[in-house]
Amino acid sequence: MTEDFSVLDIMRKLGPGGRSMSAAIQSKRHELTYELQKYLHVLGPTPKRCLETLADLGLSDPEIARYFKIPKDIVTNLRQVWHIEGQT
């Protein structure tokens, strides 16, 4: 097998900012509107778990929104749809 790629090439592709995953919606989530789905990639591979964790740590919706640089209404709507308790 020929080695056309070095380890560094692979790490650049798969590492942070490497664009190995597109910013497009990865999988359709029927419980969410299209507007909410556009922001899921920002929350990582497990967006619901991420939001639950931050809410459990006591972060409010404005704090979570500021951290991820997304609108506060998106955070509030996701918490309502997923029934995540916490400070709004």
PDB file of N, CA and C in Angstrom:
ATOM      1  N   MET A   1       0.846  -1.171   0.000  1.00  0.00           N
ATOM      2  CA  MET A   1       0.000   0.000   0.000  1.00  0.00           C
ATOM      3  C   MET A   1       0.893   1.236   0.000  1.00  0.00           C
ATOM      4  N   THR A   2       0.586   2.170  -0.856  1.00  0.00           N
ATOM      5  CA  THR A   2       1.400   3.375  -0.921  1.00  0.00           C
ATOM      6  C   THR A   2       0.925   4.395   0.085  1.00  0.00           C
ATOM      7  N   GLU A   3       1.861   5.149   0.624  1.00  0.00           N
ATOM      8  CA  GLU A   3       1.554   6.170   1.622  1.00  0.00           C
ATOM      9  C   GLU A   3       1.572   7.537   0.948  1.00  0.00           C
ATOM     10  N   ASP A   4       0.424   7.964   0.407  1.00  0.00           N
ATOM     11  CA  ASP A   4       0.340   9.268  -0.235  1.00  0.00           C
ATOM     12  C   ASP A   4       0.152  10.393   0.769  1.00  0.00           C
ATOM     13  N   PHE A   5      -0.344  10.061   1.929  1.00  0.00           N
ATOM     14  CA  PHE A   5      -0.615  11.070   2.952  1.00  0.00           C
ATOM     15  C   PHE A   5       0.286  10.837   4.153  1.00  0.00           C
ATOM     16  N   SER A   6       0.825  11.900   4.683  1.00  0.00           N
ATOM     17  CA  SER A   6       1.597  11.780   5.919  1.00  0.00           C
ATOM     18  C   SER A   6       0.637  11.881   7.096  1.00  0.00           C
ATOM     19  N   VAL A   7       1.133  11.582   8.261  1.00  0.00           N
ATOM     20  CA  VAL A   7       0.326  11.677   9.470  1.00  0.00           C
ATOM     21  C   VAL A   7      -0.135  13.122   9.669  1.00  0.00           C
ATOM     22  N   LEU A   8       0.723  14.082   9.378  1.00  0.00           N
ATOM     23  CA  LEU A   8       0.355  15.483   9.535  1.00  0.00           C
ATOM     24  C   LEU A   8      -0.773  15.883   8.589  1.00  0.00           C
ATOM     25  N   ASP A   9      -0.750  15.342   7.369  1.00  0.00           N
ATOM     26  CA  ASP A   9      -1.833  15.633   6.430  1.00  0.00           C
ATOM     27  C   ASP A   9      -3.166  15.137   6.968  1.00  0.00           C
ATOM     28  N   ILE A  10      -3.157  13.959   7.523  1.00  0.00           N
ATOM     29  CA  ILE A  10      -4.382  13.376   8.070  1.00  0.00           C
ATOM     30  C   ILE A  10      -4.854  14.179   9.274  1.00  0.00           C
ATOM     31  N   MET A  11      -3.918  14.586  10.142  1.00  0.00           N
ATOM     32  CA  MET A  11      -4.302  15.364  11.321  1.00  0.00           C
ATOM     33  C   MET A  11      -4.849  16.730  10.917  1.00  0.00           C
ATOM     34  N   ARG A  12      -4.296  17.320   9.869  1.00  0.00           N
ATOM     35  CA  ARG A  12      -4.833  18.602   9.407  1.00  0.00           C
ATOM     36  C   ARG A  12      -6.259  18.442   8.914  1.00  0.00           C
ATOM     37  N   LYS A  13      -6.530  17.332   8.281  1.00  0.00           N
ATOM     38  CA  LYS A  13      -7.869  17.084   7.743  1.00  0.00           C
ATOM     39  C   LYS A  13      -8.870  16.785   8.857  1.00  0.00           C
ATOM     40  N   LEU A  14      -8.467  15.984   9.830  1.00  0.00           N
ATOM     41  CA  LEU A  14      -9.394  15.542  10.871  1.00  0.00           C
ATOM     42  C   LEU A  14      -9.361  16.397  12.122  1.00  0.00           C
ATOM     43  N   GLY A  15      -8.360  17.229  12.290  1.00  0.00           N
ATOM     44  CA  GLY A  15      -8.230  18.045  13.486  1.00  0.00           C
ATOM     45  C   GLY A  15      -9.191  19.218  13.491  1.00  0.00           C
ATOM     46  N   PRO A  16      -9.125  20.029  14.536  1.00  0.00           N
ATOM     47  CA  PRO A  16     -10.004  21.195  14.653  1.00  0.00           C
ATOM     48  C   PRO A  16      -9.876  22.122  13.451  1.00  0.00           C
ATOM     49  N   GLY A  17     -10.998  22.471  12.895  1.00  0.00           N
ATOM     50  CA  GLY A  17     -11.010  23.363  11.740  1.00  0.00           C
ATOM     51  C   GLY A  17     -10.622  22.685  10.451  1.00  0.00           C
ATOM     52  N   GLY A  18     -10.447  21.378  10.475  1.00  0.00           N
ATOM     53  CA  GLY A  18     -10.006  20.655   9.294  1.00  0.00           C
ATOM     54  C   GLY A  18     -11.090  20.417   8.274  1.00  0.00           C
ATOM     55  N   ARG A  19     -12.295  20.741   8.613  1.00  0.00           N
ATOM     56  CA  ARG A  19     -13.425  20.596   7.695  1.00  0.00           C
ATOM     57  C   ARG A  19     -13.661  19.154   7.269  1.00  0.00           C
ATOM     58  N   SER A  20     -13.398  18.211   8.177  1.00  0.00           N
ATOM     59  CA  SER A  20     -13.678  16.824   7.840  1.00  0.00           C
ATOM     60  C   SER A  20     -15.176  16.551   7.846  1.00  0.00           C
ATOM     61  N   MET A  21     -15.922  17.386   8.586  1.00  0.00           N
ATOM     62  CA  MET A  21     -17.369  17.276   8.603  1.00  0.00           C
ATOM     63  C   MET A  21     -17.941  18.575   8.065  1.00  0.00           C
ATOM     64  N   SER A  22     -18.920  18.474   7.223  1.00  0.00           N
ATOM     65  CA  SER A  22     -19.503  19.682   6.662  1.00  0.00           C
ATOM     66  C   SER A  22     -20.359  20.381   7.707  1.00  0.00           C
ATOM     67  N   ALA A  23     -20.588  21.669   7.484  1.00  0.00           N
ATOM     68  CA  ALA A  23     -21.418  22.438   8.402  1.00  0.00           C
ATOM     69  C   ALA A  23     -22.905  22.223   8.128  1.00  0.00           C
ATOM     70  N   ALA A  24     -23.203  21.464   7.098  1.00  0.00           N
ATOM     71  CA  ALA A  24     -24.597  21.192   6.766  1.00  0.00           C
ATOM     72  C   ALA A  24     -25.221  20.308   7.839  1.00  0.00           C
ATOM     73  N   ILE A  25     -26.515  20.271   7.860  1.00  0.00           N
ATOM     74  CA  ILE A  25     -27.230  19.453   8.830  1.00  0.00           C
ATOM     75  C   ILE A  25     -26.885  17.988   8.572  1.00  0.00           C
ATOM     76  N   GLN A  26     -26.393  17.299   9.604  1.00  0.00           N
ATOM     77  CA  GLN A  26     -25.933  15.929   9.456  1.00  0.00           C
ATOM     78  C   GLN A  26     -27.078  14.922   9.393  1.00  0.00           C
ATOM     79  N   SER A  27     -28.038  15.055  10.253  1.00  0.00           N
ATOM     80  CA  SER A  27     -29.171  14.137  10.239  1.00  0.00           C
ATOM     81  C   SER A  27     -30.420  14.913  10.630  1.00  0.00           C
ATOM     82  N   LYS A  28     -31.505  14.575  10.005  1.00  0.00           N
ATOM     83  CA  LYS A  28     -32.750  15.290  10.265  1.00  0.00           C
ATOM     84  C   LYS A  28     -33.309  14.858  11.613  1.00  0.00           C
ATOM     85  N   ARG A  29     -33.666  15.823  12.410  1.00  0.00           N
ATOM     86  CA  ARG A  29     -34.284  15.569  13.716  1.00  0.00           C
ATOM     87  C   ARG A  29     -35.695  16.104  13.619  1.00  0.00           C
ATOM     88  N   HIS A  30     -36.656  15.214  13.608  1.00  0.00           N
ATOM     89  CA  HIS A  30     -38.043  15.575  13.343  1.00  0.00           C
ATOM     90  C   HIS A  30     -38.667  16.446  14.428  1.00  0.00           C
ATOM     91  N   GLU A  31     -38.117  16.426  15.631  1.00  0.00           N
ATOM     92  CA  GLU A  31     -38.704  17.232  16.697  1.00  0.00           C
ATOM     93  C   GLU A  31     -38.281  18.701  16.609  1.00  0.00           C
ATOM     94  N   LEU A  32     -37.327  19.005  15.740  1.00  0.00           N
ATOM     95  CA  LEU A  32     -36.797  20.361  15.643  1.00  0.00           C
ATOM     96  C   LEU A  32     -37.161  21.018  14.320  1.00  0.00           C
ATOM     97  N   THR A  33     -37.380  22.319  14.374  1.00  0.00           N
ATOM     98  CA  THR A  33     -37.623  23.065  13.138  1.00  0.00           C
ATOM     99  C   THR A  33     -36.308  23.188  12.378  1.00  0.00           C
ATOM    100  N   TYR A  34     -36.405  23.561  11.123  1.00  0.00           N
ATOM    101  CA  TYR A  34     -35.202  23.731  10.307  1.00  0.00           C
ATOM    102  C   TYR A  34     -34.298  24.801  10.906  1.00  0.00           C
ATOM    103  N   GLU A  35     -34.885  25.881  11.435  1.00  0.00           N
ATOM    104  CA  GLU A  35     -34.101  26.962  12.034  1.00  0.00           C
ATOM    105  C   GLU A  35     -33.272  26.448  13.214  1.00  0.00           C
ATOM    106  N   LEU A  36     -33.850  25.598  14.049  1.00  0.00           N
ATOM    107  CA  LEU A  36     -33.111  25.036  15.185  1.00  0.00           C
ATOM    108  C   LEU A  36     -32.035  24.057  14.718  1.00  0.00           C
ATOM    109  N   GLN A  37     -32.346  23.278  13.692  1.00  0.00           N
ATOM    110  CA  GLN A  37     -31.388  22.302  13.197  1.00  0.00           C
ATOM    111  C   GLN A  37     -30.139  22.952  12.621  1.00  0.00           C
ATOM    112  N   LYS A  38     -30.256  24.178  12.123  1.00  0.00           N
ATOM    113  CA  LYS A  38     -29.101  24.861  11.550  1.00  0.00           C
ATOM    114  C   LYS A  38     -28.024  25.124  12.588  1.00  0.00           C
ATOM    115  N   TYR A  39     -28.379  25.159  13.861  1.00  0.00           N
ATOM    116  CA  TYR A  39     -27.424  25.485  14.922  1.00  0.00           C
ATOM    117  C   TYR A  39     -26.911  24.260  15.683  1.00  0.00           C
ATOM    118  N   LEU A  40     -27.392  23.076  15.384  1.00  0.00           N
ATOM    119  CA  LEU A  40     -26.994  21.896  16.150  1.00  0.00           C
ATOM    120  C   LEU A  40     -25.507  21.596  16.039  1.00  0.00           C
ATOM    121  N   HIS A  41     -24.911  21.814  14.864  1.00  0.00           N
ATOM    122  CA  HIS A  41     -23.492  21.482  14.687  1.00  0.00           C
ATOM    123  C   HIS A  41     -22.599  22.291  15.625  1.00  0.00           C
ATOM    124  N   VAL A  42     -23.068  23.459  16.039  1.00  0.00           N
ATOM    125  CA  VAL A  42     -22.290  24.300  16.943  1.00  0.00           C
ATOM    126  C   VAL A  42     -22.140  23.626  18.311  1.00  0.00           C
ATOM    127  N   LEU A  43     -23.146  22.866  18.712  1.00  0.00           N
ATOM    128  CA  LEU A  43     -23.147  22.216  20.026  1.00  0.00           C
ATOM    129  C   LEU A  43     -22.386  20.893  20.043  1.00  0.00           C
ATOM    130  N   GLY A  44     -21.799  20.504  18.931  1.00  0.00           N
ATOM    131  CA  GLY A  44     -20.985  19.298  18.880  1.00  0.00           C
ATOM    132  C   GLY A  44     -21.759  18.067  18.446  1.00  0.00           C
ATOM    133  N   PRO A  45     -21.129  16.902  18.569  1.00  0.00           N
ATOM    134  CA  PRO A  45     -21.742  15.662  18.072  1.00  0.00           C
ATOM    135  C   PRO A  45     -22.949  15.195  18.879  1.00  0.00           C
ATOM    136  N   THR A  46     -23.060  15.636  20.126  1.00  0.00           N
ATOM    137  CA  THR A  46     -24.207  15.272  20.964  1.00  0.00           C
ATOM    138  C   THR A  46     -24.827  16.556  21.525  1.00  0.00           C
ATOM    139  N   PRO A  47     -25.571  17.286  20.691  1.00  0.00           N
ATOM    140  CA  PRO A  47     -26.059  18.601  21.101  1.00  0.00           C
ATOM    141  C   PRO A  47     -26.988  18.580  22.312  1.00  0.00           C
ATOM    142  N   LYS A  48     -27.853  17.601  22.394  1.00  0.00           N
ATOM    143  CA  LYS A  48     -28.776  17.547  23.536  1.00  0.00           C
ATOM    144  C   LYS A  48     -28.003  17.313  24.829  1.00  0.00           C
ATOM    145  N   ARG A  49     -27.085  16.389  24.801  1.00  0.00           N
ATOM    146  CA  ARG A  49     -26.265  16.095  25.985  1.00  0.00           C
ATOM    147  C   ARG A  49     -25.430  17.304  26.391  1.00  0.00           C
ATOM    148  N   CYS A  50     -24.906  18.005  25.413  1.00  0.00           N
ATOM    149  CA  CYS A  50     -24.119  19.218  25.671  1.00  0.00           C
ATOM    150  C   CYS A  50     -24.970  20.263  26.382  1.00  0.00           C
ATOM    151  N   LEU A  51     -26.167  20.489  25.868  1.00  0.00           N
ATOM    152  CA  LEU A  51     -27.055  21.483  26.461  1.00  0.00           C
ATOM    153  C   LEU A  51     -27.497  21.068  27.865  1.00  0.00           C
ATOM    154  N   GLU A  52     -27.771  19.778  28.049  1.00  0.00           N
ATOM    155  CA  GLU A  52     -28.141  19.276  29.376  1.00  0.00           C
ATOM    156  C   GLU A  52     -27.012  19.490  30.381  1.00  0.00           C
ATOM    157  N   THR A  53     -25.788  19.231  29.949  1.00  0.00           N
ATOM    158  CA  THR A  53     -24.633  19.379  30.831  1.00  0.00           C
ATOM    159  C   THR A  53     -24.437  20.823  31.257  1.00  0.00           C
ATOM    160  N   LEU A  54     -24.510  21.739  30.287  1.00  0.00           N
ATOM    161  CA  LEU A  54     -24.324  23.150  30.617  1.00  0.00           C
ATOM    162  C   LEU A  54     -25.445  23.669  31.512  1.00  0.00           C
ATOM    163  N   ALA A  55     -26.661  23.196  31.291  1.00  0.00           N
ATOM    164  CA  ALA A  55     -27.778  23.585  32.155  1.00  0.00           C
ATOM    165  C   ALA A  55     -27.581  23.019  33.563  1.00  0.00           C
ATOM    166  N   ASP A  56     -27.103  21.781  33.666  1.00  0.00           N
ATOM    167  CA  ASP A  56     -26.836  21.178  34.976  1.00  0.00           C
ATOM    168  C   ASP A  56     -25.748  21.933  35.738  1.00  0.00           C
ATOM    169  N   LEU A  57     -24.825  22.532  34.998  1.00  0.00           N
ATOM    170  CA  LEU A  57     -23.768  23.321  35.635  1.00  0.00           C
ATOM    171  C   LEU A  57     -24.262  24.686  36.091  1.00  0.00           C
ATOM    172  N   GLY A  58     -25.513  25.015  35.742  1.00  0.00           N
ATOM    173  CA  GLY A  58     -26.109  26.260  36.201  1.00  0.00           C
ATOM    174  C   GLY A  58     -25.999  27.426  35.233  1.00  0.00           C
ATOM    175  N   LEU A  59     -25.555  27.186  34.013  1.00  0.00           N
ATOM    176  CA  LEU A  59     -25.467  28.267  33.038  1.00  0.00           C
ATOM    177  C   LEU A  59     -26.859  28.644  32.551  1.00  0.00           C
ATOM    178  N   SER A  60     -27.085  29.921  32.374  1.00  0.00           N
ATOM    179  CA  SER A  60     -28.368  30.408  31.866  1.00  0.00           C
ATOM    180  C   SER A  60     -28.348  30.399  30.343  1.00  0.00           C
ATOM    181  N   ASP A  61     -29.513  30.599  29.744  1.00  0.00           N
ATOM    182  CA  ASP A  61     -29.599  30.633  28.286  1.00  0.00           C
ATOM    183  C   ASP A  61     -28.705  31.712  27.678  1.00  0.00           C
ATOM    184  N   PRO A  62     -28.706  32.938  28.216  1.00  0.00           N
ATOM    185  CA  PRO A  62     -27.812  33.956  27.643  1.00  0.00           C
ATOM    186  C   PRO A  62     -26.327  33.584  27.757  1.00  0.00           C
ATOM    187  N   GLU A  63     -25.944  32.926  28.854  1.00  0.00           N
ATOM    188  CA  GLU A  63     -24.541  32.517  29.012  1.00  0.00           C
ATOM    189  C   GLU A  63     -24.159  31.437  28.007  1.00  0.00           C
ATOM    190  N   ILE A  64     -25.046  30.468  27.813  1.00  0.00           N
ATOM    191  CA  ILE A  64     -24.788  29.397  26.840  1.00  0.00           C
ATOM    192  C   ILE A  64     -24.738  29.981  25.436  1.00  0.00           C
ATOM    193  N   ALA A  65     -25.674  30.854  25.120  1.00  0.00           N
ATOM    194  CA  ALA A  65     -25.707  31.475  23.790  1.00  0.00           C
ATOM    195  C   ALA A  65     -24.444  32.289  23.537  1.00  0.00           C
ATOM    196  N   ARG A  66     -23.996  33.014  24.529  1.00  0.00           N
ATOM    197  CA  ARG A  66     -22.785  33.829  24.380  1.00  0.00           C
ATOM    198  C   ARG A  66     -21.560  32.931  24.176  1.00  0.00           C
ATOM    199  N   TYR A  67     -21.491  31.823  24.890  1.00  0.00           N
ATOM    200  CA  TYR A  67     -20.361  30.902  24.769  1.00  0.00           C
ATOM    201  C   TYR A  67     -20.272  30.323  23.353  1.00  0.00           C
ATOM    202  N   PHE A  68     -21.428  29.914  22.796  1.00  0.00           N
ATOM    203  CA  PHE A  68     -21.436  29.303  21.470  1.00  0.00           C
ATOM    204  C   PHE A  68     -21.635  30.312  20.334  1.00  0.00           C
ATOM    205  N   LYS A  69     -21.849  31.589  20.702  1.00  0.00           N
ATOM    206  CA  LYS A  69     -22.072  32.653  19.710  1.00  0.00           C
ATOM    207  C   LYS A  69     -23.279  32.348  18.825  1.00  0.00           C
ATOM    208  N   ILE A  70     -24.374  31.971  19.486  1.00  0.00           N
ATOM    209  CA  ILE A  70     -25.640  31.728  18.795  1.00  0.00           C
ATOM    210  C   ILE A  70     -26.722  32.565  19.476  1.00  0.00           C
ATOM    211  N   PRO A  71     -27.855  32.801  18.811  1.00  0.00           N
ATOM    212  CA  PRO A  71     -28.924  33.591  19.426  1.00  0.00           C
ATOM    213  C   PRO A  71     -29.490  32.918  20.680  1.00  0.00           C
ATOM    214  N   LYS A  72     -29.819  33.739  21.679  1.00  0.00           N
ATOM    215  CA  LYS A  72     -30.380  33.226  22.934  1.00  0.00           C
ATOM    216  C   LYS A  72     -31.681  32.468  22.689  1.00  0.00           C
ATOM    217  N   ASP A  73     -32.493  32.938  21.741  1.00  0.00           N
ATOM    218  CA  ASP A  73     -33.766  32.275  21.448  1.00  0.00           C
ATOM    219  C   ASP A  73     -33.567  30.835  20.988  1.00  0.00           C
ATOM    220  N   ILE A  74     -32.485  30.559  20.297  1.00  0.00           N
ATOM    221  CA  ILE A  74     -32.200  29.191  19.847  1.00  0.00           C
ATOM    222  C   ILE A  74     -31.972  28.293  21.054  1.00  0.00           C
ATOM    223  N   VAL A  75     -31.176  28.758  22.001  1.00  0.00           N
ATOM    224  CA  VAL A  75     -30.909  27.975  23.213  1.00  0.00           C
ATOM    225  C   VAL A  75     -32.209  27.741  23.981  1.00  0.00           C
ATOM    226  N   THR A  76     -32.999  28.788  24.153  1.00  0.00           N
ATOM    227  CA  THR A  76     -34.263  28.671  24.875  1.00  0.00           C
ATOM    228  C   THR A  76     -35.195  27.690  24.184  1.00  0.00           C
ATOM    229  N   ASN A  77     -35.319  27.794  22.879  1.00  0.00           N
ATOM    230  CA  ASN A  77     -36.207  26.889  22.128  1.00  0.00           C
ATOM    231  C   ASN A  77     -35.731  25.445  22.197  1.00  0.00           C
ATOM    232  N   LEU A  78     -34.431  25.212  22.093  1.00  0.00           N
ATOM    233  CA  LEU A  78     -33.911  23.844  22.192  1.00  0.00           C
ATOM    234  C   LEU A  78     -34.195  23.261  23.577  1.00  0.00           C
ATOM    235  N   ARG A  79     -34.024  24.067  24.613  1.00  0.00           N
ATOM    236  CA  ARG A  79     -34.306  23.566  25.961  1.00  0.00           C
ATOM    237  C   ARG A  79     -35.778  23.250  26.139  1.00  0.00           C
ATOM    238  N   GLN A  80     -36.646  24.038  25.543  1.00  0.00           N
ATOM    239  CA  GLN A  80     -38.085  23.760  25.646  1.00  0.00           C
ATOM    240  C   GLN A  80     -38.454  22.482  24.907  1.00  0.00           C
ATOM    241  N   VAL A  81     -37.932  22.310  23.697  1.00  0.00           N
ATOM    242  CA  VAL A  81     -38.247  21.120  22.900  1.00  0.00           C
ATOM    243  C   VAL A  81     -37.731  19.859  23.588  1.00  0.00           C
ATOM    244  N   TRP A  82     -36.537  19.931  24.146  1.00  0.00           N
ATOM    245  CA  TRP A  82     -35.925  18.762  24.771  1.00  0.00           C
ATOM    246  C   TRP A  82     -36.248  18.646  26.258  1.00  0.00           C
ATOM    247  N   HIS A  83     -37.085  19.536  26.801  1.00  0.00           N
ATOM    248  CA  HIS A  83     -37.504  19.496  28.212  1.00  0.00           C
ATOM    249  C   HIS A  83     -36.306  19.493  29.159  1.00  0.00           C
ATOM    250  N   ILE A  84     -35.392  20.443  28.928  1.00  0.00           N
ATOM    251  CA  ILE A  84     -34.225  20.584  29.769  1.00  0.00           C
ATOM    252  C   ILE A  84     -34.496  21.697  30.786  1.00  0.00           C
ATOM    253  N   GLU A  85     -34.442  21.352  32.058  1.00  0.00           N
ATOM    254  CA  GLU A  85     -34.699  22.317  33.132  1.00  0.00           C
ATOM    255  C   GLU A  85     -33.474  23.198  33.342  1.00  0.00           C
ATOM    256  N   GLY A  86     -33.691  24.346  33.946  1.00  0.00           N
ATOM    257  CA  GLY A  86     -32.588  25.226  34.270  1.00  0.00           C
ATOM    258  C   GLY A  86     -32.995  26.682  34.194  1.00  0.00           C
ATOM    259  N   GLN A  87     -32.008  27.568  34.283  1.00  0.00           N
ATOM    260  CA  GLN A  87     -32.246  29.005  34.236  1.00  0.00           C
ATOM    261  C   GLN A  87     -32.409  29.460  32.798  1.00  0.00           C
ATOM    262  N   THR A  88     -33.441  30.256  32.556  1.00  0.00           N
ATOM    263  CA  THR A  88     -33.617  30.765  31.209  1.00  0.00           C
ATOM    264  C   THR A  88     -33.098  32.170  31.074  1.00  0.00           C
TER     265      THR A  88
END
